C-alpha atoms as a PDB file:
ATOM      1  CA  MET A   1       0.000   0.000   0.000  1.00  0.00           C
ATOM      2  CA  LYS A   2       1.315   3.433  -0.899  1.00  0.00           C
ATOM      3  CA  MET A   3       1.750   6.225   1.592  1.00  0.00           C
ATOM      4  CA  THR A   4      -0.752   9.051   1.338  1.00  0.00           C
ATOM      5  CA  THR A   5      -1.229  12.289   3.199  1.00  0.00           C
ATOM      6  CA  SER A   6      -3.663  10.567   5.542  1.00  0.00           C
ATOM      7  CA  SER A   7      -1.962   7.248   6.143  1.00  0.00           C
ATOM      8  CA  ALA A   8       1.777   6.751   6.422  1.00  0.00           C
ATOM      9  CA  ASN A   9       1.502   2.944   6.357  1.00  0.00           C
ATOM     10  CA  MET A  10       3.487   2.687   9.581  1.00  0.00           C
ATOM     11  CA  PRO A  11       3.148   0.349  12.581  1.00  0.00           C
ATOM     12  CA  MET A  12       1.746   2.854  15.084  1.00  0.00           C
ATOM     13  CA  SER A  13      -0.678   2.650  17.944  1.00  0.00           C
ATOM     14  CA  THR A  14      -3.150   5.229  19.179  1.00  0.00           C
ATOM     15  CA  GLU A  15      -1.953   4.302  22.668  1.00  0.00           C
ATOM     16  CA  ARG A  16       1.434   5.791  21.847  1.00  0.00           C
ATOM     17  CA  PRO A  17       1.711   9.355  23.179  1.00  0.00           C
ATOM     18  CA  LEU A  18       1.434  12.001  20.507  1.00  0.00           C
ATOM     19  CA  SER A  19       4.794  13.712  19.950  1.00  0.00           C
ATOM     20  CA  VAL A  20       4.066  17.432  19.649  1.00  0.00           C
ATOM     21  CA  LEU A  21       6.563  19.718  17.913  1.00  0.00           C
ATOM     22  CA  VAL A  22       5.928  23.466  18.130  1.00  0.00           C
ATOM     23  CA  THR A  23       8.069  25.112  15.460  1.00  0.00           C
ATOM     24  CA  LEU A  24       8.269  28.826  14.700  1.00  0.00           C
ATOM     25  CA  ASP A  25       9.783  30.589  11.724  1.00  0.00           C
ATOM     26  CA  VAL A  26      11.625  33.384  13.540  1.00  0.00           C
ATOM     27  CA  GLU A  27      12.174  36.066  10.968  1.00  0.00           C
ATOM     28  CA  GLU A  28      12.177  39.704   9.945  1.00  0.00           C
ATOM     29  CA  GLU A  29       9.087  41.866   9.497  1.00  0.00           C
ATOM     30  CA  GLY A  30       7.549  42.940   6.224  1.00  0.00           C
ATOM     31  CA  LEU A  31       7.173  39.594   4.471  1.00  0.00           C
ATOM     32  CA  PHE A  32       3.386  39.802   4.410  1.00  0.00           C
ATOM     33  CA  SER A  33       3.602  43.108   2.555  1.00  0.00           C
ATOM     34  CA  GLY A  34       4.781  41.429  -0.634  1.00  0.00           C
ATOM     35  CA  ARG A  35       8.173  43.155  -0.537  1.00  0.00           C
ATOM     36  CA  TYR A  36      11.413  41.339   0.282  1.00  0.00           C
ATOM     37  CA  ARG A  37      14.010  43.475   2.017  1.00  0.00           C
ATOM     38  CA  ARG A  38      17.632  42.410   1.641  1.00  0.00           C
ATOM     39  CA  ARG A  39      19.689  44.475   4.049  1.00  0.00           C
ATOM     40  CA  ASN A  40      19.125  45.048   7.767  1.00  0.00           C
ATOM     41  CA  PRO A  41      15.424  44.174   7.857  1.00  0.00           C
ATOM     42  CA  PRO A  42      13.702  44.924  11.194  1.00  0.00           C
ATOM     43  CA  VAL A  43      13.327  42.047  13.650  1.00  0.00           C
ATOM     44  CA  THR A  44      11.552  43.743  16.568  1.00  0.00           C
ATOM     45  CA  ASN A  45       8.875  41.018  16.469  1.00  0.00           C
ATOM     46  CA  VAL A  46      11.314  38.544  18.037  1.00  0.00           C
ATOM     47  CA  ALA A  47      10.576  40.070  21.450  1.00  0.00           C
ATOM     48  CA  CYS A  48       7.036  38.665  21.114  1.00  0.00           C
ATOM     49  CA  LEU A  49       8.464  35.167  21.606  1.00  0.00           C
ATOM     50  CA  ARG A  50       8.465  35.893  25.335  1.00  0.00           C
ATOM     51  CA  ARG A  51       4.678  35.668  25.232  1.00  0.00           C
ATOM     52  CA  LEU A  52       5.062  31.954  24.528  1.00  0.00           C
ATOM     53  CA  SER A  53       7.287  31.119  27.501  1.00  0.00           C
ATOM     54  CA  ALA A  54       4.407  29.629  29.509  1.00  0.00           C
ATOM     55  CA  LEU A  55       3.739  27.237  26.634  1.00  0.00           C
ATOM     56  CA  SER A  56       6.952  25.506  27.647  1.00  0.00           C
ATOM     57  CA  ASP A  57       7.108  26.283  31.360  1.00  0.00           C
ATOM     58  CA  ASN A  58       3.498  25.536  32.311  1.00  0.00           C
ATOM     59  CA  LEU A  59       2.188  23.253  29.565  1.00  0.00           C
ATOM     60  CA  GLY A  60       5.338  21.301  28.706  1.00  0.00           C
ATOM     61  CA  PHE A  61       5.710  22.117  25.011  1.00  0.00           C
ATOM     62  CA  PRO A  62       9.264  23.303  24.215  1.00  0.00           C
ATOM     63  CA  LEU A  63       9.702  25.462  21.129  1.00  0.00           C
ATOM     64  CA  THR A  64      11.912  24.937  18.108  1.00  0.00           C
ATOM     65  CA  LEU A  65      12.879  28.425  16.921  1.00  0.00           C
ATOM     66  CA  LEU A  66      14.015  28.309  13.284  1.00  0.00           C
ATOM     67  CA  CYS A  67      15.822  31.619  12.809  1.00  0.00           C
ATOM     68  CA  SER A  68      16.695  33.629   9.732  1.00  0.00           C
ATOM     69  CA  HIS A  69      20.076  35.287   9.208  1.00  0.00           C
ATOM     70  CA  ALA A  70      18.632  38.700  10.053  1.00  0.00           C
ATOM     71  CA  VAL A  71      17.586  37.390  13.476  1.00  0.00           C
ATOM     72  CA  LEU A  72      20.799  35.512  14.243  1.00  0.00           C
ATOM     73  CA  THR A  73      22.900  38.616  13.527  1.00  0.00           C
ATOM     74  CA  ASP A  74      20.803  41.118  15.498  1.00  0.00           C
ATOM     75  CA  THR A  75      22.088  41.800  19.027  1.00  0.00           C
ATOM     76  CA  LYS A  76      18.717  42.460  20.659  1.00  0.00           C
ATOM     77  CA  ALA A  77      17.062  39.512  18.929  1.00  0.00           C
ATOM     78  CA  CYS A  78      19.868  37.218  20.088  1.00  0.00           C
ATOM     79  CA  LEU A  79      19.268  38.255  23.682  1.00  0.00           C
ATOM     80  CA  VAL A  80      15.672  37.084  23.326  1.00  0.00           C
ATOM     81  CA  LEU A  81      16.824  33.812  21.738  1.00  0.00           C
ATOM     82  CA  GLU A  82      19.235  33.223  24.608  1.00  0.00           C
ATOM     83  CA  GLU A  83      16.435  33.796  27.089  1.00  0.00           C
ATOM     84  CA  MET A  84      14.076  31.420  25.312  1.00  0.00           C
ATOM     85  CA  ARG A  85      16.792  28.770  25.054  1.00  0.00           C
ATOM     86  CA  ASP A  86      18.348  29.040  28.509  1.00  0.00           C
ATOM     87  CA  ARG A  87      15.243  29.757  30.599  1.00  0.00           C
ATOM     88  CA  HIS A  88      12.520  28.012  28.635  1.00  0.00           C
ATOM     89  CA  GLY A  89      14.223  25.094  26.877  1.00  0.00           C
ATOM     90  CA  ALA A  90      13.857  26.213  23.266  1.00  0.00           C
ATOM     91  CA  GLU A  91      15.941  24.742  20.471  1.00  0.00           C
ATOM     92  CA  ILE A  92      17.573  27.173  18.051  1.00  0.00           C
ATOM     93  CA  GLY A  93      17.550  26.090  14.427  1.00  0.00           C
ATOM     94  CA  ALA A  94      18.028  27.679  11.003  1.00  0.00           C
ATOM     95  CA  HIS A  95      15.534  29.219   8.578  1.00  0.00           C
ATOM     96  CA  LEU A  96      16.814  30.270   5.169  1.00  0.00           C
ATOM     97  CA  HIS A  97      15.497  33.449   3.601  1.00  0.00           C
ATOM     98  CA  HIS A  98      18.057  33.410   0.819  1.00  0.00           C
ATOM     99  CA  TRP A  99      17.134  36.889  -0.442  1.00  0.00           C
ATOM    100  CA  SER A 100      18.152  38.494   2.885  1.00  0.00           C
ATOM    101  CA  THR A 101      21.173  36.288   3.545  1.00  0.00           C
ATOM    102  CA  PRO A 102      24.610  37.388   2.303  1.00  0.00           C
ATOM    103  CA  PRO A 103      26.510  37.323   0.063  1.00  0.00           C
ATOM    104  CA  PHE A 104      24.416  39.720  -2.028  1.00  0.00           C
ATOM    105  CA  GLU A 105      24.907  40.264  -5.744  1.00  0.00           C
ATOM    106  CA  SER A 106      23.815  43.928  -5.607  1.00  0.00           C
ATOM    107  CA  ASN A 107      23.471  46.880  -3.249  1.00  0.00           C
ATOM    108  CA  ASP A 108      19.695  47.073  -3.696  1.00  0.00           C
ATOM    109  CA  MET A 109      17.743  47.432  -0.452  1.00  0.00           C
ATOM    110  CA  TYR A 110      14.886  45.268  -1.770  1.00  0.00           C
ATOM    111  CA  CYS A 111      14.619  42.301  -4.099  1.00  0.00           C
ATOM    112  CA  GLN A 112      13.459  43.140  -7.569  1.00  0.00           C
ATOM    113  CA  GLY A 113      10.138  41.331  -7.498  1.00  0.00           C
ATOM    114  CA  VAL A 114       9.681  37.900  -5.958  1.00  0.00           C
ATOM    115  CA  PRO A 115      12.888  36.085  -4.932  1.00  0.00           C
ATOM    116  CA  GLU A 116      14.070  33.382  -7.289  1.00  0.00           C
ATOM    117  CA  ARG A 117      13.102  29.839  -6.377  1.00  0.00           C
ATOM    118  CA  THR A 118      15.889  27.974  -4.608  1.00  0.00           C
ATOM    119  CA  ASP A 119      16.054  25.114  -7.099  1.00  0.00           C
ATOM    120  CA  LYS A 120      16.650  27.675  -9.870  1.00  0.00           C
ATOM    121  CA  LEU A 121      19.155  29.736  -7.907  1.00  0.00           C
ATOM    122  CA  ASP A 122      22.805  29.468  -8.865  1.00  0.00           C
ATOM    123  CA  ARG A 123      24.044  26.524  -6.798  1.00  0.00           C
ATOM    124  CA  ASP A 124      27.189  28.263  -5.569  1.00  0.00           C
ATOM    125  CA  ARG A 125      25.137  31.263  -4.458  1.00  0.00           C
ATOM    126  CA  LEU A 126      22.660  29.038  -2.614  1.00  0.00           C
ATOM    127  CA  PHE A 127      25.504  27.103  -0.985  1.00  0.00           C
ATOM    128  CA  ASN A 128      27.218  30.303   0.124  1.00  0.00           C
ATOM    129  CA  ARG A 129      24.034  31.761   1.578  1.00  0.00           C
ATOM    130  CA  LEU A 130      23.217  28.568   3.418  1.00  0.00           C
ATOM    131  CA  ARG A 131      26.754  28.489   4.764  1.00  0.00           C
ATOM    132  CA  SER A 132      26.451  32.141   5.837  1.00  0.00           C
ATOM    133  CA  LEU A 133      23.229  31.340   7.713  1.00  0.00           C
ATOM    134  CA  LEU A 134      24.680  28.306   9.468  1.00  0.00           C
ATOM    135  CA  GLU A 135      27.879  30.142  10.361  1.00  0.00           C
ATOM    136  CA  ALA A 136      25.829  32.919  11.962  1.00  0.00           C
ATOM    137  CA  GLY A 137      23.926  30.263  13.882  1.00  0.00           C
ATOM    138  CA  GLU A 138      27.111  28.608  15.088  1.00  0.00           C
ATOM    139  CA  VAL A 139      28.512  31.945  16.244  1.00  0.00           C
ATOM    140  CA  PHE A 140      25.361  32.511  18.272  1.00  0.00           C
ATOM    141  CA  GLN A 141      24.974  28.963  19.572  1.00  0.00           C
ATOM    142  CA  GLY A 142      28.602  28.013  20.047  1.00  0.00           C
ATOM    143  CA  ALA A 143      27.785  24.778  18.227  1.00  0.00           C
ATOM    144  CA  PRO A 144      26.392  23.841  14.809  1.00  0.00           C
ATOM    145  CA  LEU A 145      22.663  24.184  14.236  1.00  0.00           C
ATOM    146  CA  THR A 146      21.083  20.881  13.225  1.00  0.00           C
ATOM    147  CA  SER A 147      17.426  21.704  12.481  1.00  0.00           C
ATOM    148  CA  PHE A 148      16.232  23.586   9.424  1.00  0.00           C
ATOM    149  CA  ARG A 149      13.339  24.966   7.419  1.00  0.00           C
ATOM    150  CA  MET A 150      13.461  26.588   3.997  1.00  0.00           C
ATOM    151  CA  GLY A 151      11.595  29.868   3.592  1.00  0.00           C
ATOM    152  CA  ARG A 152       8.382  29.865   1.529  1.00  0.00           C
ATOM    153  CA  TRP A 153       8.249  26.022   1.682  1.00  0.00           C
ATOM    154  CA  ASP A 154      10.690  26.354  -1.197  1.00  0.00           C
ATOM    155  CA  LEU A 155      12.328  22.950  -0.987  1.00  0.00           C
ATOM    156  CA  LYS A 156      12.446  20.411  -3.762  1.00  0.00           C
ATOM    157  CA  ASN A 157      13.839  16.979  -2.972  1.00  0.00           C
ATOM    158  CA  SER A 158      16.933  17.732  -5.066  1.00  0.00           C
ATOM    159  CA  LEU A 159      18.094  20.046  -2.262  1.00  0.00           C
ATOM    160  CA  PHE A 160      18.092  17.411   0.482  1.00  0.00           C
ATOM    161  CA  PRO A 161      21.678  16.296  -0.302  1.00  0.00           C
ATOM    162  CA  LEU A 162      22.869  19.881   0.162  1.00  0.00           C
ATOM    163  CA  LEU A 163      21.247  20.085   3.601  1.00  0.00           C
ATOM    164  CA  SER A 164      22.853  16.811   4.622  1.00  0.00           C
ATOM    165  CA  GLU A 165      26.229  18.006   3.338  1.00  0.00           C
ATOM    166  CA  MET A 166      25.891  21.126   5.498  1.00  0.00           C
ATOM    167  CA  GLY A 167      25.306  19.105   8.667  1.00  0.00           C
ATOM    168  CA  ILE A 168      21.525  19.388   8.988  1.00  0.00           C
ATOM    169  CA  LEU A 169      20.064  16.381  10.794  1.00  0.00           C
ATOM    170  CA  VAL A 170      16.362  17.205  10.727  1.00  0.00           C
ATOM    171  CA  ASP A 171      14.324  19.289   8.313  1.00  0.00           C
ATOM    172  CA  SER A 172      10.749  20.581   8.352  1.00  0.00           C
ATOM    173  CA  SER A 173      10.343  22.222   4.949  1.00  0.00           C
ATOM    174  CA  ILE A 174       7.632  19.942   3.568  1.00  0.00           C
ATOM    175  CA  CYS A 175       4.040  21.133   3.846  1.00  0.00           C
ATOM    176  CA  PRO A 176       1.609  18.460   2.629  1.00  0.00           C
ATOM    177  CA  LEU A 177      -1.419  19.473   0.574  1.00  0.00           C
ATOM    178  CA  ARG A 178       0.410  22.497  -0.829  1.00  0.00           C
ATOM    179  CA  ALA A 179       1.656  22.991  -4.396  1.00  0.00           C
ATOM    180  CA  PHE A 180       3.264  26.280  -5.371  1.00  0.00           C
ATOM    181  CA  GLU A 181       3.107  27.595  -8.914  1.00  0.00           C
ATOM    182  CA  GLY A 182       6.659  27.695 -10.233  1.00  0.00           C
ATOM    183  CA  GLY A 183       7.913  26.101  -7.025  1.00  0.00           C
ATOM    184  CA  ALA A 184       7.734  22.884  -5.026  1.00  0.00           C
ATOM    185  CA  ASP A 185       4.865  20.409  -5.202  1.00  0.00           C
ATOM    186  CA  HIS A 186       4.318  18.902  -1.749  1.00  0.00           C
ATOM    187  CA  PHE A 187       0.678  17.998  -2.355  1.00  0.00           C
ATOM    188  CA  LEU A 188       0.923  14.231  -1.893  1.00  0.00           C
ATOM    189  CA  ALA A 189       3.802  14.322   0.575  1.00  0.00           C
ATOM    190  CA  PRO A 190       3.376  12.124   3.664  1.00  0.00           C
ATOM    191  CA  GLY A 191       2.082  13.723   6.817  1.00  0.00           C
ATOM    192  CA  GLN A 192       4.421  11.774   9.112  1.00  0.00           C
ATOM    193  CA  PRO A 193       8.238  11.734   9.370  1.00  0.00           C
ATOM    194  CA  TYR A 194      10.326   9.919   6.765  1.00  0.00           C
ATOM    195  CA  TRP A 195      13.925   9.558   5.588  1.00  0.00           C
ATOM    196  CA  PRO A 196      14.165  11.532   2.303  1.00  0.00           C
ATOM    197  CA  LEU A 197      17.628  10.193   1.411  1.00  0.00           C
ATOM    198  CA  GLY A 198      17.162   6.666   2.720  1.00  0.00           C
ATOM    199  CA  ARG A 199      17.748   5.160   6.126  1.00  0.00           C
ATOM    200  CA  LYS A 200      21.541   5.189   5.782  1.00  0.00           C
ATOM    201  CA  THR A 201      21.688   8.993   5.469  1.00  0.00           C
ATOM    202  CA  PRO A 202      21.090  10.760   8.803  1.00  0.00           C
ATOM    203  CA  LEU A 203      18.552  13.324   7.614  1.00  0.00           C
ATOM    204  CA  LEU A 204      14.997  13.093   8.913  1.00  0.00           C
ATOM    205  CA  GLU A 205      12.080  15.030   7.423  1.00  0.00           C
ATOM    206  CA  ILE A 206       9.279  16.086   9.778  1.00  0.00           C
ATOM    207  CA  PRO A 207       6.499  17.496   7.599  1.00  0.00           C
ATOM    208  CA  ILE A 208       4.138  20.131   8.888  1.00  0.00           C
ATOM    209  CA  THR A 209       0.944  18.426  10.023  1.00  0.00           C
ATOM    210  CA  GLN A 210      -1.803  19.267   7.569  1.00  0.00           C
ATOM    211  CA  ILE A 211      -4.270  16.513   6.796  1.00  0.00           C
ATOM    212  CA  PRO A 212      -7.379  16.064   4.642  1.00  0.00           C
ATOM    213  CA  LEU A 213     -10.824  15.744   6.144  1.00  0.00           C
ATOM    214  CA  LEU A 214     -11.190  12.483   4.205  1.00  0.00           C
ATOM    215  CA  GLY A 215      -8.255  10.326   3.159  1.00  0.00           C
ATOM    216  CA  VAL A 216      -9.503   9.739  -0.383  1.00  0.00           C
ATOM    217  CA  LEU A 217      -9.892  13.432  -1.228  1.00  0.00           C
ATOM    218  CA  PRO A 218      -6.266  14.429  -2.023  1.00  0.00           C
ATOM    219  CA  GLY A 219      -5.813  11.752  -4.671  1.00  0.00           C
ATOM    220  CA  LEU A 220      -9.087  12.664  -6.367  1.00  0.00           C
ATOM    221  CA  TRP A 221      -8.317  16.384  -6.215  1.00  0.00           C
ATOM    222  CA  GLN A 222      -4.820  15.838  -7.572  1.00  0.00           C
ATOM    223  CA  LYS A 223      -6.152  13.879 -10.551  1.00  0.00           C
ATOM    224  CA  CYS A 224      -8.669  16.611 -11.360  1.00  0.00           C
ATOM    225  CA  THR A 225      -6.490  19.683 -10.859  1.00  0.00           C
ATOM    226  CA  ALA A 226      -2.873  18.599 -11.496  1.00  0.00           C
ATOM    227  CA  GLY A 227      -0.951  21.232 -13.403  1.00  0.00           C
ATOM    228  CA  THR A 228      -3.413  24.012 -12.562  1.00  0.00           C
ATOM    229  CA  PRO A 229      -3.450  26.722  -9.851  1.00  0.00           C
ATOM    230  CA  PHE A 230      -6.510  24.985  -8.377  1.00  0.00           C
ATOM    231  CA  LEU A 231      -4.354  22.180  -6.961  1.00  0.00           C
ATOM    232  CA  ASP A 232      -3.223  24.395  -4.077  1.00  0.00           C
ATOM    233  CA  LYS A 233      -6.807  25.479  -3.305  1.00  0.00           C
ATOM    234  CA  PHE A 234      -7.390  22.191  -1.468  1.00  0.00           C
ATOM    235  CA  HIS A 235      -5.382  23.632   1.420  1.00  0.00           C
ATOM    236  CA  PHE A 236      -8.144  26.203   1.966  1.00  0.00           C
ATOM    237  CA  LEU A 237     -11.140  23.947   1.363  1.00  0.00           C
ATOM    238  CA  ALA A 238     -10.768  20.467   2.845  1.00  0.00           C
ATOM    239  CA  ALA A 239      -7.730  20.348   5.141  1.00  0.00           C
ATOM    240  CA  VAL A 240      -7.073  20.953   8.833  1.00  0.00           C
ATOM    241  CA  SER A 241      -3.895  21.649  10.778  1.00  0.00           C
ATOM    242  CA  GLY A 242      -2.678  22.837  14.162  1.00  0.00           C
ATOM    243  CA  ASN A 243      -1.684  26.254  12.832  1.00  0.00           C
ATOM    244  CA  PRO A 244      -3.543  28.916  14.874  1.00  0.00           C
ATOM    245  CA  PHE A 245      -3.342  31.403  11.986  1.00  0.00           C
ATOM    246  CA  TRP A 246      -4.694  28.987   9.382  1.00  0.00           C
ATOM    247  CA  HIS A 247      -7.463  27.343  11.391  1.00  0.00           C
ATOM    248  CA  ASN A 248      -9.739  28.027  14.332  1.00  0.00           C
ATOM    249  CA  ASP A 249      -9.779  26.081  17.581  1.00  0.00           C
ATOM    250  CA  PHE A 250     -12.395  23.604  16.365  1.00  0.00           C
ATOM    251  CA  ALA A 251     -10.377  22.732  13.249  1.00  0.00           C
ATOM    252  CA  MET A 252      -7.172  22.415  15.259  1.00  0.00           C
ATOM    253  CA  ARG A 253      -8.809  19.969  17.667  1.00  0.00           C
ATOM    254  CA  LEU A 254     -10.344  18.078  14.747  1.00  0.00           C
ATOM    255  CA  CYS A 255      -6.859  17.742  13.250  1.00  0.00           C
ATOM    256  CA  VAL A 256      -5.607  16.053  16.426  1.00  0.00           C
ATOM    257  CA  GLN A 257      -8.629  13.764  16.635  1.00  0.00           C
ATOM    258  CA  LEU A 258      -8.200  12.694  13.012  1.00  0.00           C
ATOM    259  CA  LEU A 259      -4.506  12.041  13.628  1.00  0.00           C
ATOM    260  CA  ARG A 260      -5.343   9.662  16.444  1.00  0.00           C
ATOM    261  CA  LEU A 261      -8.056   7.913  14.459  1.00  0.00           C
ATOM    262  CA  ARG A 262      -5.580   7.416  11.615  1.00  0.00           C
ATOM    263  CA  GLN A 263      -2.967   6.074  14.025  1.00  0.00           C
ATOM    264  CA  SER A 264      -0.454   8.870  13.515  1.00  0.00           C
ATOM    265  CA  ASP A 265       1.842   9.723  16.379  1.00  0.00           C
ATOM    266  CA  VAL A 266       3.381  13.111  15.431  1.00  0.00           C
ATOM    267  CA  LEU A 267       1.844  16.578  15.424  1.00  0.00           C
ATOM    268  CA  CYS A 268       4.101  19.255  13.931  1.00  0.00           C
ATOM    269  CA  VAL A 269       2.684  22.760  14.308  1.00  0.00           C
ATOM    270  CA  PHE A 270       4.122  25.973  12.911  1.00  0.00           C
ATOM    271  CA  TRP A 271       3.544  29.695  12.637  1.00  0.00           C
ATOM    272  CA  HIS A 272       5.643  32.834  12.042  1.00  0.00           C
ATOM    273  CA  SER A 273       7.113  35.003  14.775  1.00  0.00           C
ATOM    274  CA  SER A 274       6.123  38.119  12.820  1.00  0.00           C
ATOM    275  CA  GLU A 275       2.472  37.034  12.940  1.00  0.00           C
ATOM    276  CA  MET A 276       2.500  37.534  16.707  1.00  0.00           C
ATOM    277  CA  MET A 277       3.362  41.223  16.521  1.00  0.00           C
ATOM    278  CA  PRO A 278       0.467  43.690  16.200  1.00  0.00           C
ATOM    279  CA  GLY A 279       0.612  44.959  12.641  1.00  0.00           C
ATOM    280  CA  GLY A 280       3.085  42.248  11.638  1.00  0.00           C
ATOM    281  CA  SER A 281       0.678  40.477   9.305  1.00  0.00           C
ATOM    282  CA  PRO A 282      -2.819  40.876   7.845  1.00  0.00           C
ATOM    283  CA  HIS A 283      -4.009  38.309  10.428  1.00  0.00           C
ATOM    284  CA  VAL A 284      -2.945  40.540  13.318  1.00  0.00           C
ATOM    285  CA  PRO A 285      -3.651  44.188  12.528  1.00  0.00           C
ATOM    286  CA  ASN A 286      -3.656  45.354  16.170  1.00  0.00           C
ATOM    287  CA  GLU A 287      -3.076  44.368  19.795  1.00  0.00           C
ATOM    288  CA  ALA A 288      -6.607  43.016  20.217  1.00  0.00           C
ATOM    289  CA  ALA A 289      -6.060  40.612  17.325  1.00  0.00           C
ATOM    290  CA  ALA A 290      -2.712  39.555  18.782  1.00  0.00           C
ATOM    291  CA  GLU A 291      -4.325  38.815  22.150  1.00  0.00           C
ATOM    292  CA  LYS A 292      -7.088  36.847  20.451  1.00  0.00           C
ATOM    293  CA  VAL A 293      -4.728  34.525  18.624  1.00  0.00           C
ATOM    294  CA  LEU A 294      -2.519  34.149  21.714  1.00  0.00           C
ATOM    295  CA  LYS A 295      -5.603  33.004  23.627  1.00  0.00           C
ATOM    296  CA  ARG A 296      -6.346  30.534  20.810  1.00  0.00           C
ATOM    297  CA  ILE A 297      -2.819  29.135  21.095  1.00  0.00           C
ATOM    298  CA  TYR A 298      -2.989  28.624  24.855  1.00  0.00           C
ATOM    299  CA  THR A 299      -6.537  27.249  24.754  1.00  0.00           C
ATOM    300  CA  PHE A 300      -5.568  24.669  22.142  1.00  0.00           C
ATOM    301  CA  PHE A 301      -2.380  23.485  23.825  1.00  0.00           C
ATOM    302  CA  GLY A 302      -4.087  23.413  27.214  1.00  0.00           C
ATOM    303  CA  TRP A 303      -6.794  21.198  25.734  1.00  0.00           C
ATOM    304  CA  LEU A 304      -4.149  19.038  24.075  1.00  0.00           C
ATOM    305  CA  ARG A 305      -2.290  18.497  27.355  1.00  0.00           C
ATOM    306  CA  ASP A 306      -5.462  17.709  29.290  1.00  0.00           C
ATOM    307  CA  HIS A 307      -7.272  15.479  26.796  1.00  0.00           C
ATOM    308  CA  VAL A 308      -4.680  13.708  24.638  1.00  0.00           C
ATOM    309  CA  PRO A 309      -1.767  11.507  25.748  1.00  0.00           C
ATOM    310  CA  CYS A 310       1.082  13.648  24.455  1.00  0.00           C
ATOM    311  CA  ARG A 311       4.536  15.019  25.086  1.00  0.00           C
ATOM    312  CA  GLY A 312       6.345  18.079  23.836  1.00  0.00           C
ATOM    313  CA  VAL A 313       9.621  17.597  21.966  1.00  0.00           C
ATOM    314  CA  THR A 314      12.012  19.736  19.908  1.00  0.00           C
ATOM    315  CA  MET A 315      13.046  18.799  16.388  1.00  0.00           C
ATOM    316  CA  THR A 316      16.576  17.632  17.157  1.00  0.00           C
ATOM    317  CA  GLN A 317      15.436  15.828  20.301  1.00  0.00           C
ATOM    318  CA  PHE A 318      12.890  13.941  18.229  1.00  0.00           C
ATOM    319  CA  TYR A 319      15.567  13.093  15.648  1.00  0.00           C
ATOM    320  CA  HIS A 320      17.814  11.525  18.286  1.00  0.00           C
ATOM    321  CA  GLU A 321      14.902   9.541  19.704  1.00  0.00           C
ATOM    322  CA  VAL A 322      14.090   8.172  16.264  1.00  0.00           C
ATOM    323  CA  MET A 323      17.732   7.218  15.814  1.00  0.00           C
ATOM    324  CA  ALA A 324      17.373   5.185  18.998  1.00  0.00           C
ATOM    325  CA  SER A 325      14.269   3.427  17.659  1.00  0.00           C
ATOM    326  CA  GLU A 326      15.816   0.015  18.173  1.00  0.00           C
ATOM    327  CA  ASN A 327      15.018   0.577  21.847  1.00  0.00           C
ATOM    328  CA  GLY A 328      11.331   0.768  21.020  1.00  0.00           C
ATOM    329  CA  LEU A 329      10.966   4.520  21.516  1.00  0.00           C
ATOM    330  CA  HIS A 330       9.371   5.090  18.127  1.00  0.00           C
ATOM    331  CA  PRO A 331       8.108   3.162  15.138  1.00  0.00           C
ATOM    332  CA  VAL A 332      10.518   2.796  12.275  1.00  0.00           C
ATOM    333  CA  TYR A 333       9.762   5.589   9.811  1.00  0.00           C
ATOM    334  CA  PRO A 334      10.049   4.788   6.097  1.00  0.00           C
ATOM    335  CA  SER A 335      12.412   6.143   3.500  1.00  0.00           C
ATOM    336  CA  ARG A 336      11.002   7.979   0.511  1.00  0.00           C
ATOM    337  CA  ASP A 337      11.455   4.916  -1.697  1.00  0.00           C
ATOM    338  CA  GLU A 338       9.549   2.750   0.770  1.00  0.00           C
ATOM    339  CA  ALA A 339       6.722   5.286   0.937  1.00  0.00           C
ATOM    340  CA  GLY A 340       5.585   4.621  -2.606  1.00  0.00           C
ATOM    341  CA  ALA A 341       6.103   6.244  -5.985  1.00  0.00           C
ATOM    342  CA  LEU A 342       3.850   9.261  -5.431  1.00  0.00           C
ATOM    343  CA  PRO A 343       4.520  12.381  -7.520  1.00  0.00           C
ATOM    344  CA  GLY A 344       5.915  15.541  -6.011  1.00  0.00           C
ATOM    345  CA  ASP A 345       8.983  17.294  -4.619  1.00  0.00           C
ATOM    346  CA  TRP A 346       9.335  15.622  -1.260  1.00  0.00           C
END
């Protein structure tokens, strides 16, 4: 049986505690405006991460903070990262916004239009920008960063070898049920972790949890809309996730309940740090909107802790536990080849 977005064809049990990963893209402001600033973009939103400290301290869900170059090289932002790491148990990982990561090919303050897709970017330039990001992370951390997410979900499977070469152990750049025009097609990607380069290569993919309301729907939709802009519309019509900016509390709870019914044991949630700042995104135009979504976050994770057998875990911690799977800590996750010959860039 082939893997689909709703069933990973893995030996799991609903009695196994749900592993909950709370991942944030920690980044500069302005991205929701449609403009892409290259040099010295503002990162004042990073201070809003402090509002999530009780998520770890009181509810037991540590954060994985995937940080862009602009954040890792800003003194004030780094003080916040240190606080979240040292006081609240957060993991610091890497998040590549290649357009705002040196070396730059021009002195322009903004990108001319939309940044080029990573798979079409000159490979030396991409390598150098990734290296610049990871070097900034190592300077901050005092050790290499091992978790990663590509900006704009802009990862095709051809880039996995580069991540492995650069020392990344665990990635979360795959967003199932999404297909981007001119970019990556993750529509039929699995919803549970897998080894994109095979079991012998230590690189684990943890996709964002986004699942269909019915397991048969993605395949039917893909057959009807493949090659058209309508393929990505499924994300808005018949999918649920744990993202508090994509879905309301009911849909987030439904996502968890469907996961358990389908015998999945990982929930990977994400949102952007800039979305938490009043005025930082169209979702959060003011302080009242920011408070509303913060309440949604705490209500959901409080419900999750109280009603579902679960445990919070960071990305790299989860990777090491999977590597120790021979001790029975986790099921054995499949490689891409074992998952079935489904189309897409995952």
